[in-house]
Amino acid sequence: MATLRNLKIKTGTCKRVLKELYSYEKEVEREASKTADMKEKGADPYDLKQQENVLAESRMMIPDCRKRLETSLADIKETLAQLEESNQQDGPELDEARKIIDEVETLFKTSEA
């Protein structure tokens, strides 16, 4: 049985994972820039190797975040559908959930293109 409370929790989870994904993407950009700068300046090979490891770790987190976001999106859609079936069509929680669903689906569409 889906409740508004469950929907609110799942919406919050989806928001958090989306925020994490954006954060990791920014971190990858920042670390890639730092790695390129170190290569350009001829940094110590050990330091460069460590920086490349940091960059690789950051890159590995993006697919994990995307997978968790897909799972979270499926959960929120299922809960929203159950609530709509039980004749709860309006409310701030439902509007917020629809907004997050649109945002995540847009993100997935733009990253596939």
PDB file of N, CA and C in Angstrom:
ATOM      1  N   MET A   1       0.842  -1.190   0.000  1.00  0.00           N
ATOM      2  CA  MET A   1       0.000   0.000   0.000  1.00  0.00           C
ATOM      3  C   MET A   1       0.885   1.250   0.000  1.00  0.00           C
ATOM      4  N   ALA A   2       0.752   2.027  -1.023  1.00  0.00           N
ATOM      5  CA  ALA A   2       1.539   3.246  -1.150  1.00  0.00           C
ATOM      6  C   ALA A   2       0.867   4.381  -0.365  1.00  0.00           C
ATOM      7  N   THR A   3       1.687   5.145   0.315  1.00  0.00           N
ATOM      8  CA  THR A   3       1.180   6.295   1.059  1.00  0.00           C
ATOM      9  C   THR A   3       1.940   7.538   0.616  1.00  0.00           C
ATOM     10  N   LEU A   4       1.394   8.683   0.975  1.00  0.00           N
ATOM     11  CA  LEU A   4       2.082   9.941   0.657  1.00  0.00           C
ATOM     12  C   LEU A   4       3.431  10.004   1.354  1.00  0.00           C
ATOM     13  N   ARG A   5       3.495   9.443   2.538  1.00  0.00           N
ATOM     14  CA  ARG A   5       4.765   9.440   3.282  1.00  0.00           C
ATOM     15  C   ARG A   5       5.824   8.645   2.512  1.00  0.00           C
ATOM     16  N   ASN A   6       5.433   7.469   1.987  1.00  0.00           N
ATOM     17  CA  ASN A   6       6.369   6.666   1.196  1.00  0.00           C
ATOM     18  C   ASN A   6       6.824   7.421  -0.044  1.00  0.00           C
ATOM     19  N   LEU A   7       5.876   8.097  -0.684  1.00  0.00           N
ATOM     20  CA  LEU A   7       6.207   8.869  -1.877  1.00  0.00           C
ATOM     21  C   LEU A   7       7.188   9.985  -1.541  1.00  0.00           C
ATOM     22  N   LYS A   8       6.957  10.644  -0.435  1.00  0.00           N
ATOM     23  CA  LYS A   8       7.839  11.740  -0.016  1.00  0.00           C
ATOM     24  C   LYS A   8       9.255  11.218   0.248  1.00  0.00           C
ATOM     25  N   ILE A   9       9.354  10.060   0.902  1.00  0.00           N
ATOM     26  CA  ILE A   9      10.661   9.450   1.178  1.00  0.00           C
ATOM     27  C   ILE A   9      11.365   9.082  -0.126  1.00  0.00           C
ATOM     28  N   LYS A  10      10.642   8.460  -1.038  1.00  0.00           N
ATOM     29  CA  LYS A  10      11.248   8.038  -2.307  1.00  0.00           C
ATOM     30  C   LYS A  10      11.629   9.239  -3.169  1.00  0.00           C
ATOM     31  N   THR A  11      10.849  10.307  -3.082  1.00  0.00           N
ATOM     32  CA  THR A  11      11.187  11.533  -3.801  1.00  0.00           C
ATOM     33  C   THR A  11      12.482  12.115  -3.243  1.00  0.00           C
ATOM     34  N   GLY A  12      12.596  12.124  -1.924  1.00  0.00           N
ATOM     35  CA  GLY A  12      13.818  12.613  -1.283  1.00  0.00           C
ATOM     36  C   GLY A  12      15.034  11.785  -1.667  1.00  0.00           C
ATOM     37  N   THR A  13      14.849  10.477  -1.733  1.00  0.00           N
ATOM     38  CA  THR A  13      15.940   9.588  -2.126  1.00  0.00           C
ATOM     39  C   THR A  13      16.385   9.894  -3.552  1.00  0.00           C
ATOM     40  N   CYS A  14      15.425  10.059  -4.427  1.00  0.00           N
ATOM     41  CA  CYS A  14      15.728  10.344  -5.829  1.00  0.00           C
ATOM     42  C   CYS A  14      16.475  11.678  -5.954  1.00  0.00           C
ATOM     43  N   LYS A  15      16.038  12.685  -5.205  1.00  0.00           N
ATOM     44  CA  LYS A  15      16.709  13.986  -5.214  1.00  0.00           C
ATOM     45  C   LYS A  15      18.156  13.861  -4.750  1.00  0.00           C
ATOM     46  N   ARG A  16      18.352  13.083  -3.675  1.00  0.00           N
ATOM     47  CA  ARG A  16      19.695  12.926  -3.112  1.00  0.00           C
ATOM     48  C   ARG A  16      20.628  12.237  -4.100  1.00  0.00           C
ATOM     49  N   VAL A  17      20.159  11.165  -4.740  1.00  0.00           N
ATOM     50  CA  VAL A  17      20.994  10.439  -5.696  1.00  0.00           C
ATOM     51  C   VAL A  17      21.288  11.312  -6.911  1.00  0.00           C
ATOM     52  N   LEU A  18      20.314  12.096  -7.341  1.00  0.00           N
ATOM     53  CA  LEU A  18      20.528  13.011  -8.457  1.00  0.00           C
ATOM     54  C   LEU A  18      21.593  14.049  -8.104  1.00  0.00           C
ATOM     55  N   LYS A  19      21.516  14.565  -6.905  1.00  0.00           N
ATOM     56  CA  LYS A  19      22.507  15.540  -6.441  1.00  0.00           C
ATOM     57  C   LYS A  19      23.900  14.900  -6.379  1.00  0.00           C
ATOM     58  N   GLU A  20      23.961  13.642  -5.925  1.00  0.00           N
ATOM     59  CA  GLU A  20      25.236  12.916  -5.879  1.00  0.00           C
ATOM     60  C   GLU A  20      25.817  12.766  -7.278  1.00  0.00           C
ATOM     61  N   LEU A  21      24.962  12.408  -8.238  1.00  0.00           N
ATOM     62  CA  LEU A  21      25.425  12.229  -9.610  1.00  0.00           C
ATOM     63  C   LEU A  21      26.035  13.523 -10.147  1.00  0.00           C
ATOM     64  N   TYR A  22      25.335  14.631  -9.957  1.00  0.00           N
ATOM     65  CA  TYR A  22      25.876  15.923 -10.404  1.00  0.00           C
ATOM     66  C   TYR A  22      27.206  16.226  -9.718  1.00  0.00           C
ATOM     67  N   SER A  23      27.283  15.904  -8.450  1.00  0.00           N
ATOM     68  CA  SER A  23      28.500  16.151  -7.685  1.00  0.00           C
ATOM     69  C   SER A  23      29.672  15.329  -8.238  1.00  0.00           C
ATOM     70  N   TYR A  24      29.426  14.058  -8.529  1.00  0.00           N
ATOM     71  CA  TYR A  24      30.496  13.219  -9.085  1.00  0.00           C
ATOM     72  C   TYR A  24      30.914  13.687 -10.472  1.00  0.00           C
ATOM     73  N   GLU A  25      29.965  14.134 -11.272  1.00  0.00           N
ATOM     74  CA  GLU A  25      30.314  14.631 -12.605  1.00  0.00           C
ATOM     75  C   GLU A  25      31.203  15.872 -12.502  1.00  0.00           C
ATOM     76  N   LYS A  26      30.880  16.759 -11.566  1.00  0.00           N
ATOM     77  CA  LYS A  26      31.720  17.950 -11.363  1.00  0.00           C
ATOM     78  C   LYS A  26      33.104  17.550 -10.854  1.00  0.00           C
ATOM     79  N   GLU A  27      33.127  16.555  -9.951  1.00  0.00           N
ATOM     80  CA  GLU A  27      34.404  16.095  -9.404  1.00  0.00           C
ATOM     81  C   GLU A  27      35.282  15.514 -10.501  1.00  0.00           C
ATOM     82  N   VAL A  28      34.701  14.749 -11.420  1.00  0.00           N
ATOM     83  CA  VAL A  28      35.475  14.175 -12.524  1.00  0.00           C
ATOM     84  C   VAL A  28      36.063  15.291 -13.377  1.00  0.00           C
ATOM     85  N   GLU A  29      35.277  16.313 -13.680  1.00  0.00           N
ATOM     86  CA  GLU A  29      35.794  17.441 -14.460  1.00  0.00           C
ATOM     87  C   GLU A  29      36.961  18.114 -13.743  1.00  0.00           C
ATOM     88  N   ARG A  30      36.780  18.343 -12.444  1.00  0.00           N
ATOM     89  CA  ARG A  30      37.805  19.012 -11.648  1.00  0.00           C
ATOM     90  C   ARG A  30      39.087  18.170 -11.588  1.00  0.00           C
ATOM     91  N   GLU A  31      38.929  16.866 -11.335  1.00  0.00           N
ATOM     92  CA  GLU A  31      40.104  15.996 -11.224  1.00  0.00           C
ATOM     93  C   GLU A  31      40.787  15.797 -12.579  1.00  0.00           C
ATOM     94  N   ALA A  32      40.025  15.753 -13.657  1.00  0.00           N
ATOM     95  CA  ALA A  32      40.619  15.616 -14.991  1.00  0.00           C
ATOM     96  C   ALA A  32      41.450  16.851 -15.316  1.00  0.00           C
ATOM     97  N   SER A  33      40.920  18.006 -14.949  1.00  0.00           N
ATOM     98  CA  SER A  33      41.651  19.248 -15.164  1.00  0.00           C
ATOM     99  C   SER A  33      42.948  19.261 -14.354  1.00  0.00           C
ATOM    100  N   LYS A  34      42.844  18.817 -13.122  1.00  0.00           N
ATOM    101  CA  LYS A  34      44.025  18.789 -12.249  1.00  0.00           C
ATOM    102  C   LYS A  34      45.066  17.810 -12.787  1.00  0.00           C
ATOM    103  N   THR A  35      44.615  16.652 -13.281  1.00  0.00           N
ATOM    104  CA  THR A  35      45.531  15.651 -13.837  1.00  0.00           C
ATOM    105  C   THR A  35      46.230  16.207 -15.076  1.00  0.00           C
ATOM    106  N   ALA A  36      45.466  16.838 -15.952  1.00  0.00           N
ATOM    107  CA  ALA A  36      46.051  17.418 -17.168  1.00  0.00           C
ATOM    108  C   ALA A  36      47.071  18.494 -16.812  1.00  0.00           C
ATOM    109  N   ASP A  37      46.753  19.304 -15.801  1.00  0.00           N
ATOM    110  CA  ASP A  37      47.658  20.353 -15.351  1.00  0.00           C
ATOM    111  C   ASP A  37      48.955  19.753 -14.809  1.00  0.00           C
ATOM    112  N   MET A  38      48.822  18.653 -14.059  1.00  0.00           N
ATOM    113  CA  MET A  38      50.013  18.003 -13.504  1.00  0.00           C
ATOM    114  C   MET A  38      50.889  17.435 -14.619  1.00  0.00           C
ATOM    115  N   LYS A  39      50.263  16.838 -15.639  1.00  0.00           N
ATOM    116  CA  LYS A  39      51.026  16.285 -16.763  1.00  0.00           C
ATOM    117  C   LYS A  39      51.755  17.400 -17.501  1.00  0.00           C
ATOM    118  N   GLU A  40      51.048  18.515 -17.680  1.00  0.00           N
ATOM    119  CA  GLU A  40      51.606  19.660 -18.394  1.00  0.00           C
ATOM    120  C   GLU A  40      52.822  20.233 -17.669  1.00  0.00           C
ATOM    121  N   LYS A  41      52.754  20.262 -16.348  1.00  0.00           N
ATOM    122  CA  LYS A  41      53.832  20.837 -15.549  1.00  0.00           C
ATOM    123  C   LYS A  41      54.946  19.836 -15.253  1.00  0.00           C
ATOM    124  N   GLY A  42      54.765  18.581 -15.716  1.00  0.00           N
ATOM    125  CA  GLY A  42      55.801  17.572 -15.503  1.00  0.00           C
ATOM    126  C   GLY A  42      55.934  17.165 -14.046  1.00  0.00           C
ATOM    127  N   ALA A  43      54.828  16.873 -13.411  1.00  0.00           N
ATOM    128  CA  ALA A  43      54.822  16.501 -11.991  1.00  0.00           C
ATOM    129  C   ALA A  43      55.525  15.163 -11.781  1.00  0.00           C
ATOM    130  N   ASP A  44      55.847  14.903 -10.532  1.00  0.00           N
ATOM    131  CA  ASP A  44      56.479  13.653 -10.138  1.00  0.00           C
ATOM    132  C   ASP A  44      55.606  12.478 -10.603  1.00  0.00           C
ATOM    133  N   PRO A  45      56.210  11.439 -11.199  1.00  0.00           N
ATOM    134  CA  PRO A  45      55.426  10.305 -11.696  1.00  0.00           C
ATOM    135  C   PRO A  45      54.546   9.640 -10.623  1.00  0.00           C
ATOM    136  N   TYR A  46      55.048   9.559  -9.404  1.00  0.00           N
ATOM    137  CA  TYR A  46      54.254   8.947  -8.328  1.00  0.00           C
ATOM    138  C   TYR A  46      53.013   9.797  -8.043  1.00  0.00           C
ATOM    139  N   ASP A  47      53.198  11.098  -7.930  1.00  0.00           N
ATOM    140  CA  ASP A  47      52.063  11.992  -7.670  1.00  0.00           C
ATOM    141  C   ASP A  47      51.045  11.939  -8.817  1.00  0.00           C
ATOM    142  N   LEU A  48      51.566  11.879 -10.027  1.00  0.00           N
ATOM    143  CA  LEU A  48      50.696  11.803 -11.191  1.00  0.00           C
ATOM    144  C   LEU A  48      49.885  10.510 -11.183  1.00  0.00           C
ATOM    145  N   LYS A  49      50.549   9.416 -10.837  1.00  0.00           N
ATOM    146  CA  LYS A  49      49.857   8.118 -10.764  1.00  0.00           C
ATOM    147  C   LYS A  49      48.758   8.155  -9.701  1.00  0.00           C
ATOM    148  N   GLN A  50      49.041   8.762  -8.557  1.00  0.00           N
ATOM    149  CA  GLN A  50      48.037   8.871  -7.499  1.00  0.00           C
ATOM    150  C   GLN A  50      46.848   9.714  -7.962  1.00  0.00           C
ATOM    151  N   GLN A  51      47.134  10.796  -8.658  1.00  0.00           N
ATOM    152  CA  GLN A  51      46.062  11.657  -9.167  1.00  0.00           C
ATOM    153  C   GLN A  51      45.220  10.911 -10.194  1.00  0.00           C
ATOM    154  N   GLU A  52      45.858  10.102 -11.039  1.00  0.00           N
ATOM    155  CA  GLU A  52      45.115   9.310 -12.018  1.00  0.00           C
ATOM    156  C   GLU A  52      44.220   8.292 -11.318  1.00  0.00           C
ATOM    157  N   ASN A  53      44.676   7.734 -10.198  1.00  0.00           N
ATOM    158  CA  ASN A  53      43.854   6.805  -9.419  1.00  0.00           C
ATOM    159  C   ASN A  53      42.630   7.517  -8.841  1.00  0.00           C
ATOM    160  N   VAL A  54      42.825   8.736  -8.357  1.00  0.00           N
ATOM    161  CA  VAL A  54      41.704   9.525  -7.822  1.00  0.00           C
ATOM    162  C   VAL A  54      40.678   9.773  -8.925  1.00  0.00           C
ATOM    163  N   LEU A  55      41.162  10.128 -10.102  1.00  0.00           N
ATOM    164  CA  LEU A  55      40.281  10.377 -11.239  1.00  0.00           C
ATOM    165  C   LEU A  55      39.525   9.112 -11.634  1.00  0.00           C
ATOM    166  N   ALA A  56      40.212   7.979 -11.654  1.00  0.00           N
ATOM    167  CA  ALA A  56      39.567   6.707 -12.010  1.00  0.00           C
ATOM    168  C   ALA A  56      38.483   6.342 -11.003  1.00  0.00           C
ATOM    169  N   GLU A  57      38.745   6.558  -9.724  1.00  0.00           N
ATOM    170  CA  GLU A  57      37.738   6.277  -8.693  1.00  0.00           C
ATOM    171  C   GLU A  57      36.501   7.145  -8.881  1.00  0.00           C
ATOM    172  N   SER A  58      36.726   8.403  -9.179  1.00  0.00           N
ATOM    173  CA  SER A  58      35.594   9.312  -9.394  1.00  0.00           C
ATOM    174  C   SER A  58      34.776   8.868 -10.604  1.00  0.00           C
ATOM    175  N   ARG A  59      35.463   8.467 -11.653  1.00  0.00           N
ATOM    176  CA  ARG A  59      34.761   8.007 -12.859  1.00  0.00           C
ATOM    177  C   ARG A  59      33.960   6.738 -12.597  1.00  0.00           C
ATOM    178  N   MET A  60      34.453   5.874 -11.725  1.00  0.00           N
ATOM    179  CA  MET A  60      33.747   4.626 -11.417  1.00  0.00           C
ATOM    180  C   MET A  60      32.444   4.883 -10.659  1.00  0.00           C
ATOM    181  N   MET A  61      32.358   5.993  -9.961  1.00  0.00           N
ATOM    182  CA  MET A  61      31.168   6.282  -9.165  1.00  0.00           C
ATOM    183  C   MET A  61      29.980   6.725 -10.022  1.00  0.00           C
ATOM    184  N   ILE A  62      30.234   7.265 -11.191  1.00  0.00           N
ATOM    185  CA  ILE A  62      29.148   7.768 -12.028  1.00  0.00           C
ATOM    186  C   ILE A  62      28.202   6.648 -12.479  1.00  0.00           C
ATOM    187  N   PRO A  63      28.712   5.524 -13.024  1.00  0.00           N
ATOM    188  CA  PRO A  63      27.777   4.455 -13.409  1.00  0.00           C
ATOM    189  C   PRO A  63      26.999   3.897 -12.209  1.00  0.00           C
ATOM    190  N   ASP A  64      27.652   3.826 -11.053  1.00  0.00           N
ATOM    191  CA  ASP A  64      26.974   3.356  -9.843  1.00  0.00           C
ATOM    192  C   ASP A  64      25.825   4.296  -9.470  1.00  0.00           C
ATOM    193  N   CYS A  65      26.087   5.584  -9.530  1.00  0.00           N
ATOM    194  CA  CYS A  65      25.050   6.583  -9.224  1.00  0.00           C
ATOM    195  C   CYS A  65      23.904   6.499 -10.229  1.00  0.00           C
ATOM    196  N   ARG A  66      24.236   6.320 -11.486  1.00  0.00           N
ATOM    197  CA  ARG A  66      23.192   6.228 -12.517  1.00  0.00           C
ATOM    198  C   ARG A  66      22.300   5.005 -12.270  1.00  0.00           C
ATOM    199  N   LYS A  67      22.935   3.908 -11.876  1.00  0.00           N
ATOM    200  CA  LYS A  67      22.174   2.683 -11.599  1.00  0.00           C
ATOM    201  C   LYS A  67      21.237   2.902 -10.403  1.00  0.00           C
ATOM    202  N   ARG A  68      21.748   3.523  -9.357  1.00  0.00           N
ATOM    203  CA  ARG A  68      20.913   3.806  -8.182  1.00  0.00           C
ATOM    204  C   ARG A  68      19.798   4.785  -8.532  1.00  0.00           C
ATOM    205  N   LEU A  69      20.084   5.726  -9.424  1.00  0.00           N
ATOM    206  CA  LEU A  69      19.073   6.690  -9.847  1.00  0.00           C
ATOM    207  C   LEU A  69      17.970   6.001 -10.658  1.00  0.00           C
ATOM    208  N   GLU A  70      18.365   5.061 -11.504  1.00  0.00           N
ATOM    209  CA  GLU A  70      17.368   4.304 -12.270  1.00  0.00           C
ATOM    210  C   GLU A  70      16.456   3.504 -11.338  1.00  0.00           C
ATOM    211  N   THR A  71      17.037   2.873 -10.327  1.00  0.00           N
ATOM    212  CA  THR A  71      16.264   2.107  -9.354  1.00  0.00           C
ATOM    213  C   THR A  71      15.319   3.022  -8.588  1.00  0.00           C
ATOM    214  N   SER A  72      15.843   4.153  -8.165  1.00  0.00           N
ATOM    215  CA  SER A  72      15.043   5.124  -7.422  1.00  0.00           C
ATOM    216  C   SER A  72      13.905   5.667  -8.286  1.00  0.00           C
ATOM    217  N   LEU A  73      14.186   5.906  -9.550  1.00  0.00           N
ATOM    218  CA  LEU A  73      13.162   6.390 -10.475  1.00  0.00           C
ATOM    219  C   LEU A  73      12.046   5.357 -10.637  1.00  0.00           C
ATOM    220  N   ALA A  74      12.416   4.087 -10.768  1.00  0.00           N
ATOM    221  CA  ALA A  74      11.408   3.033 -10.897  1.00  0.00           C
ATOM    222  C   ALA A  74      10.541   2.959  -9.642  1.00  0.00           C
ATOM    223  N   ASP A  75      11.165   3.079  -8.470  1.00  0.00           N
ATOM    224  CA  ASP A  75      10.417   3.044  -7.207  1.00  0.00           C
ATOM    225  C   ASP A  75       9.427   4.200  -7.112  1.00  0.00           C
ATOM    226  N   ILE A  76       9.885   5.384  -7.442  1.00  0.00           N
ATOM    227  CA  ILE A  76       9.014   6.558  -7.318  1.00  0.00           C
ATOM    228  C   ILE A  76       7.862   6.481  -8.323  1.00  0.00           C
ATOM    229  N   LYS A  77       8.139   5.965  -9.532  1.00  0.00           N
ATOM    230  CA  LYS A  77       7.070   5.822 -10.528  1.00  0.00           C
ATOM    231  C   LYS A  77       6.019   4.820 -10.056  1.00  0.00           C
ATOM    232  N   GLU A  78       6.481   3.722  -9.493  1.00  0.00           N
ATOM    233  CA  GLU A  78       5.563   2.684  -9.005  1.00  0.00           C
ATOM    234  C   GLU A  78       4.677   3.224  -7.884  1.00  0.00           C
ATOM    235  N   THR A  79       5.282   3.912  -6.934  1.00  0.00           N
ATOM    236  CA  THR A  79       4.529   4.478  -5.820  1.00  0.00           C
ATOM    237  C   THR A  79       3.531   5.523  -6.307  1.00  0.00           C
ATOM    238  N   LEU A  80       3.966   6.364  -7.228  1.00  0.00           N
ATOM    239  CA  LEU A  80       3.080   7.393  -7.779  1.00  0.00           C
ATOM    240  C   LEU A  80       1.897   6.746  -8.502  1.00  0.00           C
ATOM    241  N   ALA A  81       2.154   5.704  -9.275  1.00  0.00           N
ATOM    242  CA  ALA A  81       1.080   5.012  -9.986  1.00  0.00           C
ATOM    243  C   ALA A  81       0.076   4.408  -9.003  1.00  0.00           C
ATOM    244  N   GLN A  82       0.577   3.818  -7.923  1.00  0.00           N
ATOM    245  CA  GLN A  82      -0.316   3.236  -6.913  1.00  0.00           C
ATOM    246  C   GLN A  82      -1.181   4.311  -6.262  1.00  0.00           C
ATOM    247  N   LEU A  83      -0.589   5.440  -5.983  1.00  0.00           N
ATOM    248  CA  LEU A  83      -1.356   6.532  -5.374  1.00  0.00           C
ATOM    249  C   LEU A  83      -2.404   7.078  -6.342  1.00  0.00           C
ATOM    250  N   GLU A  84      -2.044   7.176  -7.605  1.00  0.00           N
ATOM    251  CA  GLU A  84      -2.998   7.670  -8.596  1.00  0.00           C
ATOM    252  C   GLU A  84      -4.151   6.686  -8.786  1.00  0.00           C
ATOM    253  N   GLU A  85      -3.869   5.386  -8.682  1.00  0.00           N
ATOM    254  CA  GLU A  85      -4.922   4.374  -8.771  1.00  0.00           C
ATOM    255  C   GLU A  85      -5.895   4.472  -7.607  1.00  0.00           C
ATOM    256  N   SER A  86      -5.381   4.886  -6.458  1.00  0.00           N
ATOM    257  CA  SER A  86      -6.243   5.007  -5.276  1.00  0.00           C
ATOM    258  C   SER A  86      -6.887   6.406  -5.193  1.00  0.00           C
ATOM    259  N   ASN A  87      -6.975   7.063  -6.351  1.00  0.00           N
ATOM    260  CA  ASN A  87      -7.663   8.351  -6.503  1.00  0.00           C
ATOM    261  C   ASN A  87      -7.028   9.509  -5.745  1.00  0.00           C
ATOM    262  N   GLN A  88      -5.743   9.485  -5.552  1.00  0.00           N
ATOM    263  CA  GLN A  88      -5.045  10.645  -4.996  1.00  0.00           C
ATOM    264  C   GLN A  88      -4.294  11.287  -6.164  1.00  0.00           C
ATOM    265  N   GLN A  89      -4.935  12.262  -6.769  1.00  0.00           N
ATOM    266  CA  GLN A  89      -4.393  12.867  -7.987  1.00  0.00           C
ATOM    267  C   GLN A  89      -3.606  14.143  -7.729  1.00  0.00           C
ATOM    268  N   ASP A  90      -3.951  14.859  -6.663  1.00  0.00           N
ATOM    269  CA  ASP A  90      -3.338  16.164  -6.432  1.00  0.00           C
ATOM    270  C   ASP A  90      -2.658  16.214  -5.075  1.00  0.00           C
ATOM    271  N   GLY A  91      -1.807  17.192  -4.952  1.00  0.00           N
ATOM    272  CA  GLY A  91      -1.107  17.428  -3.698  1.00  0.00           C
ATOM    273  C   GLY A  91       0.321  17.805  -3.974  1.00  0.00           C
ATOM    274  N   PRO A  92       0.926  18.507  -3.041  1.00  0.00           N
ATOM    275  CA  PRO A  92       2.312  18.945  -3.259  1.00  0.00           C
ATOM    276  C   PRO A  92       3.291  17.784  -3.385  1.00  0.00           C
ATOM    277  N   GLU A  93       3.049  16.689  -2.652  1.00  0.00           N
ATOM    278  CA  GLU A  93       3.952  15.533  -2.724  1.00  0.00           C
ATOM    279  C   GLU A  93       3.927  14.914  -4.120  1.00  0.00           C
ATOM    280  N   LEU A  94       2.731  14.797  -4.683  1.00  0.00           N
ATOM    281  CA  LEU A  94       2.606  14.210  -6.020  1.00  0.00           C
ATOM    282  C   LEU A  94       3.216  15.115  -7.082  1.00  0.00           C
ATOM    283  N   ASP A  95       3.003  16.422  -6.929  1.00  0.00           N
ATOM    284  CA  ASP A  95       3.587  17.377  -7.883  1.00  0.00           C
ATOM    285  C   ASP A  95       5.119  17.329  -7.840  1.00  0.00           C
ATOM    286  N   GLU A  96       5.649  17.265  -6.628  1.00  0.00           N
ATOM    287  CA  GLU A  96       7.106  17.194  -6.463  1.00  0.00           C
ATOM    288  C   GLU A  96       7.654  15.909  -7.094  1.00  0.00           C
ATOM    289  N   ALA A  97       6.947  14.803  -6.892  1.00  0.00           N
ATOM    290  CA  ALA A  97       7.380  13.525  -7.469  1.00  0.00           C
ATOM    291  C   ALA A  97       7.375  13.589  -8.992  1.00  0.00           C
ATOM    292  N   ARG A  98       6.331  14.160  -9.555  1.00  0.00           N
ATOM    293  CA  ARG A  98       6.259  14.284 -11.020  1.00  0.00           C
ATOM    294  C   ARG A  98       7.393  15.164 -11.557  1.00  0.00           C
ATOM    295  N   LYS A  99       7.702  16.219 -10.821  1.00  0.00           N
ATOM    296  CA  LYS A  99       8.775  17.133 -11.222  1.00  0.00           C
ATOM    297  C   LYS A  99      10.125  16.398 -11.241  1.00  0.00           C
ATOM    298  N   ILE A 100      10.383  15.613 -10.205  1.00  0.00           N
ATOM    299  CA  ILE A 100      11.640  14.855 -10.124  1.00  0.00           C
ATOM    300  C   ILE A 100      11.703  13.806 -11.230  1.00  0.00           C
ATOM    301  N   ILE A 101      10.586  13.130 -11.479  1.00  0.00           N
ATOM    302  CA  ILE A 101      10.553  12.124 -12.549  1.00  0.00           C
ATOM    303  C   ILE A 101      10.904  12.773 -13.885  1.00  0.00           C
ATOM    304  N   ASP A 102      10.315  13.932 -14.173  1.00  0.00           N
ATOM    305  CA  ASP A 102      10.609  14.638 -15.414  1.00  0.00           C
ATOM    306  C   ASP A 102      12.086  15.025 -15.503  1.00  0.00           C
ATOM    307  N   GLU A 103      12.626  15.520 -14.394  1.00  0.00           N
ATOM    308  CA  GLU A 103      14.027  15.953 -14.376  1.00  0.00           C
ATOM    309  C   GLU A 103      14.971  14.783 -14.643  1.00  0.00           C
ATOM    310  N   VAL A 104      14.706  13.652 -13.988  1.00  0.00           N
ATOM    311  CA  VAL A 104      15.580  12.482 -14.150  1.00  0.00           C
ATOM    312  C   VAL A 104      15.448  11.907 -15.565  1.00  0.00           C
ATOM    313  N   GLU A 105      14.227  11.821 -16.070  1.00  0.00           N
ATOM    314  CA  GLU A 105      14.040  11.294 -17.427  1.00  0.00           C
ATOM    315  C   GLU A 105      14.704  12.200 -18.460  1.00  0.00           C
ATOM    316  N   THR A 106      14.637  13.498 -18.255  1.00  0.00           N
ATOM    317  CA  THR A 106      15.315  14.439 -19.153  1.00  0.00           C
ATOM    318  C   THR A 106      16.824  14.218 -19.113  1.00  0.00           C
ATOM    319  N   LEU A 107      17.356  14.021 -17.918  1.00  0.00           N
ATOM    320  CA  LEU A 107      18.784  13.760 -17.763  1.00  0.00           C
ATOM    321  C   LEU A 107      19.192  12.502 -18.522  1.00  0.00           C
ATOM    322  N   PHE A 108      18.409  11.429 -18.388  1.00  0.00           N
ATOM    323  CA  PHE A 108      18.726  10.186 -19.072  1.00  0.00           C
ATOM    324  C   PHE A 108      18.625  10.343 -20.589  1.00  0.00           C
ATOM    325  N   LYS A 109      17.649  11.101 -21.061  1.00  0.00           N
ATOM    326  CA  LYS A 109      17.500  11.314 -22.498  1.00  0.00           C
ATOM    327  C   LYS A 109      18.663  12.103 -23.069  1.00  0.00           C
ATOM    328  N   THR A 110      19.093  13.150 -22.355  1.00  0.00           N
ATOM    329  CA  THR A 110      20.188  13.973 -22.873  1.00  0.00           C
ATOM    330  C   THR A 110      21.518  13.235 -22.823  1.00  0.00           C
ATOM    331  N   SER A 111      21.690  12.354 -21.844  1.00  0.00           N
ATOM    332  CA  SER A 111      22.968  11.631 -21.760  1.00  0.00           C
ATOM    333  C   SER A 111      23.025  10.492 -22.762  1.00  0.00           C
ATOM    334  N   GLU A 112      21.861   9.999 -23.247  1.00  0.00           N
ATOM    335  CA  GLU A 112      21.846   8.958 -24.269  1.00  0.00           C
ATOM    336  C   GLU A 112      22.100   9.524 -25.650  1.00  0.00           C
ATOM    337  N   ALA A 113      21.727  10.769 -25.854  1.00  0.00           N
ATOM    338  CA  ALA A 113      21.855  11.388 -27.187  1.00  0.00           C
ATOM    339  C   ALA A 113      23.279  11.716 -27.538  1.00  0.00           C
TER     340      ALA A 113
END
